[in-house]
């Protein structure tokens, strides 16, 4: 099931009819409303759950599953991660990538010098940040802006960057 992507975490039950409160890990939480099913990992297996209702509340998503109608049945899923099949999430806009696809990409300068490997991606408000792990140096944090990230090539496993003055304090 390596086509499954993490989309959020169940943080609590909601009401008495088996709904759950989910903290979304998607850029567009409204995409939850487009999903007909999600998956939850139990032990080493993924269990398919049918989405029968979605509401939005204070930055969270309230999800109802067809298979469960009672709070006592759903409590077992508290703190569980929800997954969706990549094909159910639709096409990403140009220049937008899943974090799971970026982690592990090799980072090179425009002149071809190897910099390191993307270890993590996080958001710092104005832009995303690539956390690049380097050999023998501390990690390099690169803002994902046009002046820095020149090309992302998922197919060939690499990212081309321009390390602007002031970004690398170990030069």
Protein backbone atom coordinates (compact mmCIF):
# COMPACT_ATOMS: atom_id res chain seq x y z
CA UNK A 1 0.00 0.00 0.00
CA UNK A 2 2.83 2.42 -0.79
CA UNK A 3 0.43 4.62 -2.75
CA UNK A 4 -1.06 5.75 0.55
CA UNK A 5 -0.29 9.24 1.82
CA UNK A 6 -0.78 10.54 5.35
CA UNK A 7 -3.60 13.09 5.31
CA UNK A 8 -4.35 13.74 8.97
CA UNK A 9 -4.65 12.46 12.50
CA UNK A 10 -7.74 11.54 14.50
CA UNK A 11 -7.42 13.50 17.74
CA UNK A 12 -10.76 12.74 19.36
CA UNK A 13 -14.31 11.55 18.96
CA UNK A 14 -17.00 14.09 18.12
CA UNK A 15 -20.50 13.63 19.45
CA UNK A 16 -22.14 10.29 20.17
CA UNK A 17 -22.77 8.97 16.64
CA UNK A 18 -19.27 7.83 15.76
CA UNK A 19 -17.84 10.97 14.20
CA UNK A 20 -14.16 11.80 14.69
CA UNK A 21 -12.24 15.06 14.89
CA UNK A 22 -9.29 15.08 12.50
CA UNK A 23 -6.37 17.51 12.37
CA UNK A 24 -5.73 17.74 8.61
CA UNK A 25 -2.19 17.45 7.27
CA UNK A 26 -3.22 18.62 3.80
CA UNK A 27 -2.71 22.05 2.28
CA UNK A 28 -6.38 22.01 1.31
CA UNK A 29 -8.46 20.36 4.07
CA UNK A 30 -11.57 20.80 1.92
CA UNK A 31 -10.19 17.92 -0.18
CA UNK A 32 -11.48 15.63 2.60
CA UNK A 33 -14.98 16.24 1.21
CA UNK A 34 -13.91 14.70 -2.12
CA UNK A 35 -12.73 11.41 -0.57
CA UNK A 36 -15.04 8.40 -0.65
CA UNK A 37 -12.75 6.32 1.54
CA UNK A 38 -9.69 6.59 3.75
CA UNK A 39 -7.43 4.05 5.41
CA UNK A 40 -6.32 3.57 8.97
CA UNK A 41 -3.39 1.39 10.02
CA UNK A 42 -4.11 -1.26 12.61
CA UNK A 43 -1.17 -3.43 13.60
CA UNK A 44 0.49 -4.03 10.21
CA UNK A 45 -2.62 -3.82 8.05
CA UNK A 46 -4.56 -0.96 6.50
CA UNK A 47 -8.29 -0.96 7.13
CA UNK A 48 -10.49 0.78 4.56
CA UNK A 49 -13.14 3.13 5.97
CA UNK A 50 -15.97 4.62 3.91
CA UNK A 51 -16.39 8.37 4.36
CA UNK A 52 -20.10 9.14 4.73
CA UNK A 53 -19.90 12.72 5.93
CA UNK A 54 -17.47 15.61 6.30
CA UNK A 55 -17.86 18.90 8.18
CA UNK A 56 -15.35 21.61 8.97
CA UNK A 57 -14.91 23.12 12.42
CA UNK A 58 -12.26 25.57 13.64
CA UNK A 59 -9.44 24.29 11.44
CA UNK A 60 -10.36 20.65 12.04
CA UNK A 61 -12.32 18.20 9.94
CA UNK A 62 -15.20 16.21 11.42
CA UNK A 63 -15.47 12.88 9.60
CA UNK A 64 -18.21 10.27 9.76
CA UNK A 65 -17.49 6.71 8.65
CA UNK A 66 -20.24 4.47 7.28
CA UNK A 67 -18.91 1.51 9.27
CA UNK A 68 -19.27 3.14 12.71
CA UNK A 69 -22.31 4.72 14.35
CA UNK A 70 -21.37 4.93 18.01
CA UNK A 71 -18.77 6.81 20.04
CA UNK A 72 -17.70 3.60 21.78
CA UNK A 73 -16.84 1.96 18.45
CA UNK A 74 -14.72 4.88 17.25
CA UNK A 75 -12.67 5.58 20.40
CA UNK A 76 -10.17 2.88 19.37
CA UNK A 77 -9.02 5.16 16.54
CA UNK A 78 -8.04 8.13 18.73
CA UNK A 79 -4.48 9.28 17.84
CA UNK A 80 -4.49 7.19 14.64
CA UNK A 81 -3.18 8.53 11.34
CA UNK A 82 -5.52 8.61 8.35
CA UNK A 83 -4.27 7.77 4.86
CA UNK A 84 -5.67 8.32 1.39
CA UNK A 85 -4.76 6.66 -1.87
CA UNK A 86 -2.62 9.01 -3.97
CA UNK A 87 -4.92 8.47 -6.96
CA UNK A 88 -7.94 9.68 -4.95
CA UNK A 89 -6.28 13.03 -4.21
CA UNK A 90 -6.27 14.27 -7.79
CA UNK A 91 -3.57 16.04 -9.75
CA UNK A 92 -1.33 18.50 -7.95
CA UNK A 93 -0.90 21.98 -9.39
CA UNK A 94 2.32 22.73 -11.28
CA UNK A 95 5.24 23.17 -8.87
CA UNK A 96 3.45 21.52 -5.92
CA UNK A 97 4.76 18.22 -4.54
CA UNK A 98 3.95 15.74 -1.82
CA UNK A 99 6.48 15.95 1.00
CA UNK A 100 6.98 12.19 0.87
CA UNK A 101 8.19 12.61 -2.74
CA UNK A 102 10.70 15.33 -1.77
CA UNK A 103 12.34 13.57 1.17
CA UNK A 104 15.50 11.84 0.04
CA UNK A 105 16.01 13.91 -3.11
CA UNK A 106 19.65 14.84 -3.77
CA UNK A 107 20.35 18.57 -3.76
CA UNK A 108 22.86 20.12 -6.18
CA UNK A 109 23.94 23.66 -6.93
CA UNK A 110 23.43 25.08 -10.41
CA UNK A 111 27.12 24.35 -11.10
CA UNK A 112 26.58 20.65 -10.27
CA UNK A 113 28.15 20.59 -6.78
CA UNK A 114 26.49 18.08 -4.44
CA UNK A 115 25.00 19.80 -1.38
CA UNK A 116 23.14 17.04 0.47
CA UNK A 117 19.79 15.32 0.72
CA UNK A 118 16.37 16.65 1.71
CA UNK A 119 15.69 15.29 5.18
CA UNK A 120 12.47 17.18 5.91
CA UNK A 121 10.13 19.85 4.60
CA UNK A 122 8.28 22.24 6.85
CA UNK A 123 6.38 25.49 6.57
CA UNK A 124 7.80 28.69 8.03
CA UNK A 125 4.89 30.98 7.21
CA UNK A 126 6.07 32.82 4.11
CA UNK A 127 7.33 29.67 2.38
CA UNK A 128 8.18 26.04 2.82
CA UNK A 129 11.70 25.19 3.95
CA UNK A 130 13.83 22.31 2.69
CA UNK A 131 15.92 20.89 5.54
CA UNK A 132 19.00 19.58 3.71
CA UNK A 133 21.21 17.05 5.51
CA UNK A 134 24.89 17.46 4.66
CA UNK A 135 27.89 15.26 5.36
CA UNK A 136 30.08 16.65 8.13
CA UNK A 137 28.19 19.95 8.37
CA UNK A 138 25.06 21.09 10.08
CA UNK A 139 21.85 20.92 8.08
CA UNK A 140 21.18 23.67 5.56
CA UNK A 141 17.74 25.31 5.62
CA UNK A 142 16.68 26.48 2.17
CA UNK A 143 13.54 28.55 1.60
CA UNK A 144 11.40 27.23 -1.24
CA UNK A 145 11.36 30.41 -3.32
CA UNK A 146 12.12 30.92 -7.00
CA UNK A 147 15.48 32.62 -6.30
CA UNK A 148 16.71 29.55 -4.38
CA UNK A 149 14.98 26.44 -5.74
CA UNK A 150 15.62 26.41 -9.48
CA UNK A 151 14.36 22.95 -10.45
CA UNK A 152 12.68 20.00 -8.75
CA UNK A 153 13.13 16.77 -10.70
CA UNK A 154 11.24 14.04 -8.86
CA UNK A 155 11.79 11.50 -11.67
CA UNK A 156 15.57 11.79 -11.48
CA UNK A 157 15.66 12.26 -7.72
CA UNK A 158 17.27 15.69 -7.57
CA UNK A 159 16.76 19.36 -6.83
CA UNK A 160 18.84 22.18 -8.32
CA UNK A 161 19.35 25.18 -6.04
CA UNK A 162 21.05 28.56 -5.89
CA UNK A 163 22.48 29.03 -2.39
CA UNK A 164 22.16 32.76 -2.02
CA UNK A 165 24.60 34.73 0.13
CA UNK A 166 23.73 34.45 3.81
CA UNK A 167 21.93 31.11 3.59
CA UNK A 168 24.99 28.97 4.38
CA UNK A 169 26.93 30.10 7.43
CA UNK A 170 29.52 27.33 6.95
CA UNK A 171 31.00 28.64 3.70
